[in-house]
Amino acid sequence: MESLLNQLPIGLSIGAVLLLIALGLTFTFGQMGVINMAHGEFIMAGAYTAYMLQDWAGAQAAAVALPVAFALAGTMGWVLERTAIRHFYGRPLDTLLLTWGVSLVLQQAARDLFGAPNVQVVAPSWLNGGVTIGGGTLPYNRLFIMALAIACVAGIWAYQNRSAQGRRMRAVMQNRELAACSGVATARVDQLTFFIGSGLAGVAGVALTLIGPVGPSIGTYYIVDAFLVVVAGGLGQLRGAVIAALALGMLNSFAEFWTNASLAKVIVFAAIIVFLQFRPQGMFVLRSRALT
């Protein structure tokens, strides 16, 4: 029973990691319709940012790297949007092929710069240990990731609903032509949206350094699950992404406890396929007055 209870904090932490990764895709995929396979490499860029800052910040590198990783990954996304993706809006399959090629280039660049072996980022000393909840133990590093995910969700919600720029972004994503006719600079909104979505991937990369080593392929381990979170929660729906990430994290944790890692993935995929048979548009759907 105690071992079973230990899966609860593990599931919550897995859900928090998936949520951090999926938050960026909620912008770029859920709202802009861009299948960005290079999102995983923006995660990698954030993780390596923490690794590079170790010589300067020491054990506090993971905390110090958060704003730097956001800016670096966001800039990479902005450059990608300006140079290539803006020519492929409305063509999701083309964006998939384009960004997949970019992801391969970035992975090879990471191997050339840092080498093939994985590297380790030392976690701050105040993240050592954990807190006991019932019969389970929740490590401080995973608790920090949960708090970081909550902070990011709160920040995104406030940006979308309480700022003028966030309302412009929602307007463009819901009806680009009408927003343009209303005087909204849609190209500028696209740039900022992609910058924020990519920057959040960098933050997720820093979080991943707290629970494992960093390698050129770190993003590819999570990118498919993150897309599943966005699809299951509903495209562009923040509350759907939160619920779907926690649900998939808990399902994966308990399924792995009863079986093994490989079979747990199969169970998660099967559960999502069954769910989408009943809710093909995800948990939540954007309300619209458009005639269908």
C-alpha atoms as a PDB file:
ATOM      1  CA  MET A   1       0.000   0.000   0.000  1.00  0.00           C
ATOM      2  CA  GLU A   2       2.845   2.382   0.850  1.00  0.00           C
ATOM      3  CA  SER A   3       4.485   1.723  -2.532  1.00  0.00           C
ATOM      4  CA  LEU A   4       1.174   2.499  -4.215  1.00  0.00           C
ATOM      5  CA  LEU A   5       0.883   5.799  -2.339  1.00  0.00           C
ATOM      6  CA  ASN A   6       4.402   6.700  -3.462  1.00  0.00           C
ATOM      7  CA  GLN A   7       3.116   6.705  -7.050  1.00  0.00           C
ATOM      8  CA  LEU A   8       0.811   9.637  -6.283  1.00  0.00           C
ATOM      9  CA  PRO A   9       3.557  12.279  -5.948  1.00  0.00           C
ATOM     10  CA  ILE A  10       5.419  10.693  -8.874  1.00  0.00           C
ATOM     11  CA  GLY A  11       2.292  10.972 -11.022  1.00  0.00           C
ATOM     12  CA  LEU A  12       1.774  14.587  -9.977  1.00  0.00           C
ATOM     13  CA  SER A  13       5.368  15.461 -10.829  1.00  0.00           C
ATOM     14  CA  ILE A  14       5.138  13.721 -14.228  1.00  0.00           C
ATOM     15  CA  GLY A  15       1.971  15.667 -14.882  1.00  0.00           C
ATOM     16  CA  ALA A  16       3.700  18.913 -13.912  1.00  0.00           C
ATOM     17  CA  VAL A  17       6.567  18.213 -16.342  1.00  0.00           C
ATOM     18  CA  LEU A  18       4.130  17.379 -19.158  1.00  0.00           C
ATOM     19  CA  LEU A  19       2.179  20.532 -18.374  1.00  0.00           C
ATOM     20  CA  LEU A  20       5.287  22.724 -18.552  1.00  0.00           C
ATOM     21  CA  ILE A  21       6.145  21.265 -21.954  1.00  0.00           C
ATOM     22  CA  ALA A  22       2.566  21.367 -23.224  1.00  0.00           C
ATOM     23  CA  LEU A  23       2.048  25.016 -22.239  1.00  0.00           C
ATOM     24  CA  GLY A  24       4.268  26.181 -25.096  1.00  0.00           C
ATOM     25  CA  LEU A  25       2.484  23.875 -27.541  1.00  0.00           C
ATOM     26  CA  THR A  26      -0.837  25.313 -26.381  1.00  0.00           C
ATOM     27  CA  PHE A  27       0.282  28.520 -28.088  1.00  0.00           C
ATOM     28  CA  THR A  28       2.122  27.270 -31.155  1.00  0.00           C
ATOM     29  CA  PHE A  29       0.018  24.189 -31.938  1.00  0.00           C
ATOM     30  CA  GLY A  30      -3.276  24.689 -30.144  1.00  0.00           C
ATOM     31  CA  GLN A  31      -3.773  28.325 -31.143  1.00  0.00           C
ATOM     32  CA  MET A  32      -1.584  28.868 -34.205  1.00  0.00           C
ATOM     33  CA  GLY A  33      -2.039  25.445 -35.835  1.00  0.00           C
ATOM     34  CA  VAL A  34       1.722  24.958 -36.262  1.00  0.00           C
ATOM     35  CA  ILE A  35       2.964  21.405 -35.681  1.00  0.00           C
ATOM     36  CA  ASN A  36       6.330  22.397 -34.253  1.00  0.00           C
ATOM     37  CA  MET A  37       8.506  19.304 -33.969  1.00  0.00           C
ATOM     38  CA  ALA A  38      11.432  21.556 -33.019  1.00  0.00           C
ATOM     39  CA  HIS A  39       9.671  22.296 -29.715  1.00  0.00           C
ATOM     40  CA  GLY A  40      11.651  19.442 -28.179  1.00  0.00           C
ATOM     41  CA  GLU A  41      14.905  21.088 -29.230  1.00  0.00           C
ATOM     42  CA  PHE A  42      13.846  24.332 -27.546  1.00  0.00           C
ATOM     43  CA  ILE A  43      13.466  22.205 -24.415  1.00  0.00           C
ATOM     44  CA  MET A  44      16.998  20.933 -25.032  1.00  0.00           C
ATOM     45  CA  ALA A  45      18.256  24.517 -25.390  1.00  0.00           C
ATOM     46  CA  GLY A  46      16.792  25.411 -21.999  1.00  0.00           C
ATOM     47  CA  ALA A  47      18.374  22.367 -20.376  1.00  0.00           C
ATOM     48  CA  TYR A  48      21.813  23.118 -21.816  1.00  0.00           C
ATOM     49  CA  THR A  49      21.447  26.738 -20.674  1.00  0.00           C
ATOM     50  CA  ALA A  50      21.369  25.515 -17.075  1.00  0.00           C
ATOM     51  CA  TYR A  51      24.383  23.297 -17.774  1.00  0.00           C
ATOM     52  CA  MET A  52      26.375  26.178 -19.280  1.00  0.00           C
ATOM     53  CA  LEU A  53      25.595  28.460 -16.326  1.00  0.00           C
ATOM     54  CA  GLN A  54      26.983  25.970 -13.796  1.00  0.00           C
ATOM     55  CA  ASP A  55      30.504  27.373 -14.024  1.00  0.00           C
ATOM     56  CA  TRP A  56      29.195  30.815 -13.099  1.00  0.00           C
ATOM     57  CA  ALA A  57      26.229  30.108 -10.809  1.00  0.00           C
ATOM     58  CA  GLY A  58      27.313  26.748  -9.370  1.00  0.00           C
ATOM     59  CA  ALA A  59      24.571  24.707  -7.735  1.00  0.00           C
ATOM     60  CA  GLN A  60      22.099  27.576  -8.211  1.00  0.00           C
ATOM     61  CA  ALA A  61      22.364  27.295 -12.004  1.00  0.00           C
ATOM     62  CA  ALA A  62      18.948  25.677 -12.433  1.00  0.00           C
ATOM     63  CA  ALA A  63      17.196  28.558 -10.674  1.00  0.00           C
ATOM     64  CA  VAL A  64      19.274  31.299 -12.311  1.00  0.00           C
ATOM     65  CA  ALA A  65      18.803  29.750 -15.760  1.00  0.00           C
ATOM     66  CA  LEU A  66      14.994  30.087 -15.807  1.00  0.00           C
ATOM     67  CA  PRO A  67      14.777  33.622 -17.264  1.00  0.00           C
ATOM     68  CA  VAL A  68      17.859  33.086 -19.461  1.00  0.00           C
ATOM     69  CA  ALA A  69      16.428  29.852 -20.894  1.00  0.00           C
ATOM     70  CA  PHE A  70      13.082  31.539 -21.546  1.00  0.00           C
ATOM     71  CA  ALA A  71      14.780  34.349 -23.463  1.00  0.00           C
ATOM     72  CA  LEU A  72      17.115  32.026 -25.405  1.00  0.00           C
ATOM     73  CA  ALA A  73      14.473  29.468 -26.440  1.00  0.00           C
ATOM     74  CA  GLY A  74      12.011  32.261 -27.164  1.00  0.00           C
ATOM     75  CA  THR A  75      14.514  33.971 -29.447  1.00  0.00           C
ATOM     76  CA  MET A  76      15.180  30.701 -31.264  1.00  0.00           C
ATOM     77  CA  GLY A  77      11.441  30.290 -31.806  1.00  0.00           C
ATOM     78  CA  TRP A  78      11.090  33.881 -32.965  1.00  0.00           C
ATOM     79  CA  VAL A  79      13.874  33.419 -35.522  1.00  0.00           C
ATOM     80  CA  LEU A  80      12.271  30.193 -36.760  1.00  0.00           C
ATOM     81  CA  GLU A  81       8.898  31.889 -37.131  1.00  0.00           C
ATOM     82  CA  ARG A  82      10.316  34.909 -38.953  1.00  0.00           C
ATOM     83  CA  THR A  83      12.569  33.005 -41.329  1.00  0.00           C
ATOM     84  CA  ALA A  84      10.449  29.977 -42.209  1.00  0.00           C
ATOM     85  CA  ILE A  85       7.181  29.202 -40.439  1.00  0.00           C
ATOM     86  CA  ARG A  86       5.411  32.450 -41.375  1.00  0.00           C
ATOM     87  CA  HIS A  87       5.404  31.255 -44.987  1.00  0.00           C
ATOM     88  CA  PHE A  88       3.519  28.058 -44.046  1.00  0.00           C
ATOM     89  CA  TYR A  89       0.573  29.236 -41.947  1.00  0.00           C
ATOM     90  CA  GLY A  90      -2.517  27.197 -42.746  1.00  0.00           C
ATOM     91  CA  ARG A  91      -0.371  24.262 -43.941  1.00  0.00           C
ATOM     92  CA  PRO A  92       0.171  22.131 -40.802  1.00  0.00           C
ATOM     93  CA  LEU A  93       1.741  19.155 -42.593  1.00  0.00           C
ATOM     94  CA  ASP A  94       4.301  21.432 -44.208  1.00  0.00           C
ATOM     95  CA  THR A  95       5.168  22.928 -40.814  1.00  0.00           C
ATOM     96  CA  LEU A  96       5.581  19.387 -39.455  1.00  0.00           C
ATOM     97  CA  LEU A  97       8.150  18.483 -42.126  1.00  0.00           C
ATOM     98  CA  LEU A  98       9.899  21.845 -41.858  1.00  0.00           C
ATOM     99  CA  THR A  99      10.272  21.815 -38.073  1.00  0.00           C
ATOM    100  CA  TRP A 100      11.217  18.123 -38.049  1.00  0.00           C
ATOM    101  CA  GLY A 101      14.164  18.993 -40.294  1.00  0.00           C
ATOM    102  CA  VAL A 102      15.065  21.906 -38.007  1.00  0.00           C
ATOM    103  CA  SER A 103      14.938  19.597 -34.987  1.00  0.00           C
ATOM    104  CA  LEU A 104      17.418  17.198 -36.599  1.00  0.00           C
ATOM    105  CA  VAL A 105      19.789  20.076 -37.370  1.00  0.00           C
ATOM    106  CA  LEU A 106      19.583  21.379 -33.789  1.00  0.00           C
ATOM    107  CA  GLN A 107      20.173  17.931 -32.312  1.00  0.00           C
ATOM    108  CA  GLN A 108      23.287  17.471 -34.433  1.00  0.00           C
ATOM    109  CA  ALA A 109      24.489  20.937 -33.476  1.00  0.00           C
ATOM    110  CA  ALA A 110      24.121  20.010 -29.792  1.00  0.00           C
ATOM    111  CA  ARG A 111      26.129  16.828 -30.341  1.00  0.00           C
ATOM    112  CA  ASP A 112      28.890  18.821 -32.040  1.00  0.00           C
ATOM    113  CA  LEU A 113      28.979  21.424 -29.257  1.00  0.00           C
ATOM    114  CA  PHE A 114      28.526  19.283 -26.152  1.00  0.00           C
ATOM    115  CA  GLY A 115      29.324  15.745 -27.297  1.00  0.00           C
ATOM    116  CA  ALA A 116      27.120  12.662 -27.359  1.00  0.00           C
ATOM    117  CA  PRO A 117      27.337  11.649 -23.658  1.00  0.00           C
ATOM    118  CA  ASN A 118      24.694  13.114 -21.385  1.00  0.00           C
ATOM    119  CA  VAL A 119      25.717  15.755 -18.863  1.00  0.00           C
ATOM    120  CA  GLN A 120      24.398  16.423 -15.368  1.00  0.00           C
ATOM    121  CA  VAL A 121      23.219  19.679 -13.816  1.00  0.00           C
ATOM    122  CA  VAL A 122      23.741  19.858 -10.046  1.00  0.00           C
ATOM    123  CA  ALA A 123      20.510  20.729  -8.250  1.00  0.00           C
ATOM    124  CA  PRO A 124      20.544  23.427  -5.534  1.00  0.00           C
ATOM    125  CA  SER A 125      21.101  22.090  -2.025  1.00  0.00           C
ATOM    126  CA  TRP A 126      17.723  23.407  -0.871  1.00  0.00           C
ATOM    127  CA  LEU A 127      16.051  20.965  -3.274  1.00  0.00           C
ATOM    128  CA  ASN A 128      17.622  17.935  -1.581  1.00  0.00           C
ATOM    129  CA  GLY A 129      15.345  15.731   0.487  1.00  0.00           C
ATOM    130  CA  GLY A 130      11.581  15.629   0.464  1.00  0.00           C
ATOM    131  CA  VAL A 131       8.358  15.914   2.404  1.00  0.00           C
ATOM    132  CA  THR A 132       6.322  12.927   3.588  1.00  0.00           C
ATOM    133  CA  ILE A 133       2.637  13.001   2.659  1.00  0.00           C
ATOM    134  CA  GLY A 134       0.681  10.075   4.081  1.00  0.00           C
ATOM    135  CA  GLY A 135       2.661   7.009   3.090  1.00  0.00           C
ATOM    136  CA  GLY A 136       4.399   8.690   0.140  1.00  0.00           C
ATOM    137  CA  THR A 137       7.415  10.936  -0.145  1.00  0.00           C
ATOM    138  CA  LEU A 138       7.433  13.969  -2.414  1.00  0.00           C
ATOM    139  CA  PRO A 139      10.984  15.115  -3.271  1.00  0.00           C
ATOM    140  CA  TYR A 140      11.624  18.843  -3.063  1.00  0.00           C
ATOM    141  CA  ASN A 141      12.869  18.988  -6.647  1.00  0.00           C
ATOM    142  CA  ARG A 142       9.581  17.610  -7.975  1.00  0.00           C
ATOM    143  CA  LEU A 143       7.662  19.888  -5.618  1.00  0.00           C
ATOM    144  CA  PHE A 144       9.574  22.807  -7.127  1.00  0.00           C
ATOM    145  CA  ILE A 145       8.590  21.674 -10.629  1.00  0.00           C
ATOM    146  CA  MET A 146       4.938  21.581  -9.559  1.00  0.00           C
ATOM    147  CA  ALA A 147       5.193  25.099  -8.140  1.00  0.00           C
ATOM    148  CA  LEU A 148       6.898  26.266 -11.335  1.00  0.00           C
ATOM    149  CA  ALA A 149       4.089  24.763 -13.439  1.00  0.00           C
ATOM    150  CA  ILE A 150       1.450  26.482 -11.298  1.00  0.00           C
ATOM    151  CA  ALA A 151       3.277  29.805 -11.617  1.00  0.00           C
ATOM    152  CA  CYS A 152       3.512  29.454 -15.406  1.00  0.00           C
ATOM    153  CA  VAL A 153      -0.182  28.582 -15.717  1.00  0.00           C
ATOM    154  CA  ALA A 154      -1.137  31.571 -13.559  1.00  0.00           C
ATOM    155  CA  GLY A 155       1.118  33.862 -15.598  1.00  0.00           C
ATOM    156  CA  ILE A 156      -0.296  32.653 -18.912  1.00  0.00           C
ATOM    157  CA  TRP A 157      -3.883  33.010 -17.698  1.00  0.00           C
ATOM    158  CA  ALA A 158      -3.215  36.556 -16.504  1.00  0.00           C
ATOM    159  CA  TYR A 159      -1.491  37.438 -19.777  1.00  0.00           C
ATOM    160  CA  GLN A 160      -4.306  36.091 -21.930  1.00  0.00           C
ATOM    161  CA  ASN A 161      -7.169  37.540 -19.916  1.00  0.00           C
ATOM    162  CA  ARG A 162      -5.808  40.636 -18.217  1.00  0.00           C
ATOM    163  CA  SER A 163      -3.454  42.233 -20.764  1.00  0.00           C
ATOM    164  CA  ALA A 164      -4.274  44.041 -23.989  1.00  0.00           C
ATOM    165  CA  GLN A 165      -1.616  42.108 -25.895  1.00  0.00           C
ATOM    166  CA  GLY A 166      -3.021  38.820 -24.625  1.00  0.00           C
ATOM    167  CA  ARG A 167      -6.502  39.754 -25.812  1.00  0.00           C
ATOM    168  CA  ARG A 168      -5.076  40.654 -29.218  1.00  0.00           C
ATOM    169  CA  MET A 169      -3.418  37.258 -29.353  1.00  0.00           C
ATOM    170  CA  ARG A 170      -6.696  35.488 -28.593  1.00  0.00           C
ATOM    171  CA  ALA A 171      -8.470  37.564 -31.216  1.00  0.00           C
ATOM    172  CA  VAL A 172      -5.941  36.691 -33.925  1.00  0.00           C
ATOM    173  CA  MET A 173      -6.018  32.992 -33.102  1.00  0.00           C
ATOM    174  CA  GLN A 174      -9.828  32.889 -33.155  1.00  0.00           C
ATOM    175  CA  ASN A 175     -10.384  34.924 -36.314  1.00  0.00           C
ATOM    176  CA  ARG A 176      -7.290  36.278 -38.061  1.00  0.00           C
ATOM    177  CA  GLU A 177      -9.132  38.097 -40.863  1.00  0.00           C
ATOM    178  CA  LEU A 178     -11.527  39.906 -38.518  1.00  0.00           C
ATOM    179  CA  ALA A 179      -8.689  40.852 -36.177  1.00  0.00           C
ATOM    180  CA  ALA A 180      -6.697  42.288 -39.101  1.00  0.00           C
ATOM    181  CA  CYS A 181      -9.727  44.311 -40.232  1.00  0.00           C
ATOM    182  CA  SER A 182      -9.985  45.665 -36.673  1.00  0.00           C
ATOM    183  CA  GLY A 183      -6.465  47.073 -36.856  1.00  0.00           C
ATOM    184  CA  VAL A 184      -4.559  44.312 -35.027  1.00  0.00           C
ATOM    185  CA  ALA A 185      -1.020  43.794 -36.332  1.00  0.00           C
ATOM    186  CA  THR A 186      -1.358  40.057 -36.871  1.00  0.00           C
ATOM    187  CA  ALA A 187       2.264  39.503 -37.921  1.00  0.00           C
ATOM    188  CA  ARG A 188       3.515  41.091 -34.710  1.00  0.00           C
ATOM    189  CA  VAL A 189       1.099  38.985 -32.674  1.00  0.00           C
ATOM    190  CA  ASP A 190       2.387  35.846 -34.412  1.00  0.00           C
ATOM    191  CA  GLN A 191       5.957  36.739 -33.508  1.00  0.00           C
ATOM    192  CA  LEU A 192       5.167  37.346 -29.855  1.00  0.00           C
ATOM    193  CA  THR A 193       3.008  34.230 -29.579  1.00  0.00           C
ATOM    194  CA  PHE A 194       5.747  32.026 -30.985  1.00  0.00           C
ATOM    195  CA  PHE A 195       8.321  33.712 -28.741  1.00  0.00           C
ATOM    196  CA  ILE A 196       6.259  32.972 -25.618  1.00  0.00           C
ATOM    197  CA  GLY A 197       5.459  29.396 -26.648  1.00  0.00           C
ATOM    198  CA  SER A 198       9.098  28.631 -27.408  1.00  0.00           C
ATOM    199  CA  GLY A 199      10.289  30.390 -24.253  1.00  0.00           C
ATOM    200  CA  LEU A 200       8.056  28.175 -22.127  1.00  0.00           C
ATOM    201  CA  ALA A 201       9.773  25.161 -23.707  1.00  0.00           C
ATOM    202  CA  GLY A 202      13.084  26.543 -22.456  1.00  0.00           C
ATOM    203  CA  VAL A 203      11.660  26.815 -18.929  1.00  0.00           C
ATOM    204  CA  ALA A 204      10.521  23.185 -19.174  1.00  0.00           C
ATOM    205  CA  GLY A 205      14.051  22.209 -20.198  1.00  0.00           C
ATOM    206  CA  VAL A 206      15.498  23.778 -17.051  1.00  0.00           C
ATOM    207  CA  ALA A 207      12.935  21.899 -14.966  1.00  0.00           C
ATOM    208  CA  LEU A 208      13.967  18.604 -16.567  1.00  0.00           C
ATOM    209  CA  THR A 209      17.570  19.099 -15.422  1.00  0.00           C
ATOM    210  CA  LEU A 210      16.343  18.689 -11.831  1.00  0.00           C
ATOM    211  CA  ILE A 211      15.174  15.105 -12.393  1.00  0.00           C
ATOM    212  CA  GLY A 212      17.695  13.644 -14.828  1.00  0.00           C
ATOM    213  CA  PRO A 213      20.720  14.106 -17.104  1.00  0.00           C
ATOM    214  CA  VAL A 214      20.774  16.370 -20.158  1.00  0.00           C
ATOM    215  CA  GLY A 215      21.406  15.082 -23.675  1.00  0.00           C
ATOM    216  CA  PRO A 216      20.803  16.120 -27.287  1.00  0.00           C
ATOM    217  CA  SER A 217      17.675  13.940 -27.437  1.00  0.00           C
ATOM    218  CA  ILE A 218      16.090  15.064 -24.180  1.00  0.00           C
ATOM    219  CA  GLY A 219      13.227  16.818 -25.945  1.00  0.00           C
ATOM    220  CA  THR A 220      12.232  13.850 -28.099  1.00  0.00           C
ATOM    221  CA  TYR A 221      11.384  11.794 -25.003  1.00  0.00           C
ATOM    222  CA  TYR A 222       8.554  14.152 -24.069  1.00  0.00           C
ATOM    223  CA  ILE A 223       7.363  15.851 -27.258  1.00  0.00           C
ATOM    224  CA  VAL A 224       4.808  13.186 -28.279  1.00  0.00           C
ATOM    225  CA  ASP A 225       3.253  13.085 -24.804  1.00  0.00           C
ATOM    226  CA  ALA A 226       3.049  16.884 -24.806  1.00  0.00           C
ATOM    227  CA  PHE A 227       1.177  16.865 -28.122  1.00  0.00           C
ATOM    228  CA  LEU A 228      -1.219  14.290 -26.655  1.00  0.00           C
ATOM    229  CA  VAL A 229      -1.865  16.603 -23.706  1.00  0.00           C
ATOM    230  CA  VAL A 230      -2.792  19.474 -26.025  1.00  0.00           C
ATOM    231  CA  VAL A 231      -5.038  17.295 -28.205  1.00  0.00           C
ATOM    232  CA  ALA A 232      -6.793  15.591 -25.278  1.00  0.00           C
ATOM    233  CA  GLY A 233      -7.308  18.866 -23.425  1.00  0.00           C
ATOM    234  CA  GLY A 234      -8.668  20.697 -26.471  1.00  0.00           C
ATOM    235  CA  LEU A 235      -6.673  22.818 -28.914  1.00  0.00           C
ATOM    236  CA  GLY A 236      -5.674  26.108 -27.348  1.00  0.00           C
ATOM    237  CA  GLN A 237      -7.533  25.409 -24.086  1.00  0.00           C
ATOM    238  CA  LEU A 238      -5.398  26.184 -21.036  1.00  0.00           C
ATOM    239  CA  ARG A 239      -7.655  24.476 -18.482  1.00  0.00           C
ATOM    240  CA  GLY A 240      -7.865  21.419 -20.726  1.00  0.00           C
ATOM    241  CA  ALA A 241      -4.073  21.208 -20.890  1.00  0.00           C
ATOM    242  CA  VAL A 242      -3.855  21.344 -17.083  1.00  0.00           C
ATOM    243  CA  ILE A 243      -6.393  18.556 -16.560  1.00  0.00           C
ATOM    244  CA  ALA A 244      -5.032  16.383 -19.373  1.00  0.00           C
ATOM    245  CA  ALA A 245      -1.417  16.705 -18.162  1.00  0.00           C
ATOM    246  CA  LEU A 246      -2.305  15.687 -14.609  1.00  0.00           C
ATOM    247  CA  ALA A 247      -4.511  12.831 -15.826  1.00  0.00           C
ATOM    248  CA  LEU A 248      -1.841  11.449 -18.166  1.00  0.00           C
ATOM    249  CA  GLY A 249       0.840  11.828 -15.494  1.00  0.00           C
ATOM    250  CA  MET A 250      -1.195   9.889 -12.942  1.00  0.00           C
ATOM    251  CA  LEU A 251      -2.211   7.224 -15.475  1.00  0.00           C
ATOM    252  CA  ASN A 252       1.388   6.753 -16.595  1.00  0.00           C
ATOM    253  CA  SER A 253       2.659   6.537 -13.006  1.00  0.00           C
ATOM    254  CA  PHE A 254       0.179   3.910 -11.820  1.00  0.00           C
ATOM    255  CA  ALA A 255       0.310   1.939 -15.083  1.00  0.00           C
ATOM    256  CA  GLU A 256       4.103   1.766 -14.810  1.00  0.00           C
ATOM    257  CA  PHE A 257       3.786   0.652 -11.180  1.00  0.00           C
ATOM    258  CA  TRP A 258       1.578  -2.305 -12.127  1.00  0.00           C
ATOM    259  CA  THR A 259       3.373  -3.206 -15.385  1.00  0.00           C
ATOM    260  CA  ASN A 260       6.545  -1.654 -16.842  1.00  0.00           C
ATOM    261  CA  ALA A 261       7.586   1.553 -18.609  1.00  0.00           C
ATOM    262  CA  SER A 262       6.993   0.308 -22.158  1.00  0.00           C
ATOM    263  CA  LEU A 263       3.579  -1.197 -21.451  1.00  0.00           C
ATOM    264  CA  ALA A 264       2.587   1.906 -19.482  1.00  0.00           C
ATOM    265  CA  LYS A 265       3.135   4.008 -22.620  1.00  0.00           C
ATOM    266  CA  VAL A 266       0.901   1.648 -24.585  1.00  0.00           C
ATOM    267  CA  ILE A 267      -1.815   1.925 -21.935  1.00  0.00           C
ATOM    268  CA  VAL A 268      -1.638   5.733 -22.008  1.00  0.00           C
ATOM    269  CA  PHE A 269      -1.865   5.852 -25.817  1.00  0.00           C
ATOM    270  CA  ALA A 270      -4.754   3.394 -25.821  1.00  0.00           C
ATOM    271  CA  ALA A 271      -6.612   5.429 -23.199  1.00  0.00           C
ATOM    272  CA  ILE A 272      -6.218   8.614 -25.257  1.00  0.00           C
ATOM    273  CA  ILE A 273      -7.405   6.873 -28.428  1.00  0.00           C
ATOM    274  CA  VAL A 274     -10.525   5.630 -26.620  1.00  0.00           C
ATOM    275  CA  PHE A 275     -11.125   9.070 -25.105  1.00  0.00           C
ATOM    276  CA  LEU A 276     -10.861  10.796 -28.485  1.00  0.00           C
ATOM    277  CA  GLN A 277     -13.449   8.413 -29.912  1.00  0.00           C
ATOM    278  CA  PHE A 278     -15.979  10.003 -27.578  1.00  0.00           C
ATOM    279  CA  ARG A 279     -14.485  13.527 -27.455  1.00  0.00           C
ATOM    280  CA  PRO A 280     -12.656  14.042 -30.780  1.00  0.00           C
ATOM    281  CA  GLN A 281     -12.245  17.773 -30.092  1.00  0.00           C
ATOM    282  CA  GLY A 282     -10.798  17.225 -26.627  1.00  0.00           C
ATOM    283  CA  MET A 283     -12.128  18.025 -23.173  1.00  0.00           C
ATOM    284  CA  PHE A 284     -12.924  21.644 -23.922  1.00  0.00           C
ATOM    285  CA  VAL A 285     -13.862  23.289 -27.203  1.00  0.00           C
ATOM    286  CA  LEU A 286     -13.562  26.951 -28.062  1.00  0.00           C
ATOM    287  CA  ARG A 287     -17.037  28.473 -28.179  1.00  0.00           C
ATOM    288  CA  SER A 288     -17.810  30.227 -31.409  1.00  0.00           C
ATOM    289  CA  ARG A 289     -20.784  31.916 -33.046  1.00  0.00           C
ATOM    290  CA  ALA A 290     -19.611  30.885 -36.481  1.00  0.00           C
ATOM    291  CA  LEU A 291     -22.101  28.879 -38.530  1.00  0.00           C
ATOM    292  CA  THR A 292     -21.021  25.313 -39.382  1.00  0.00           C
END
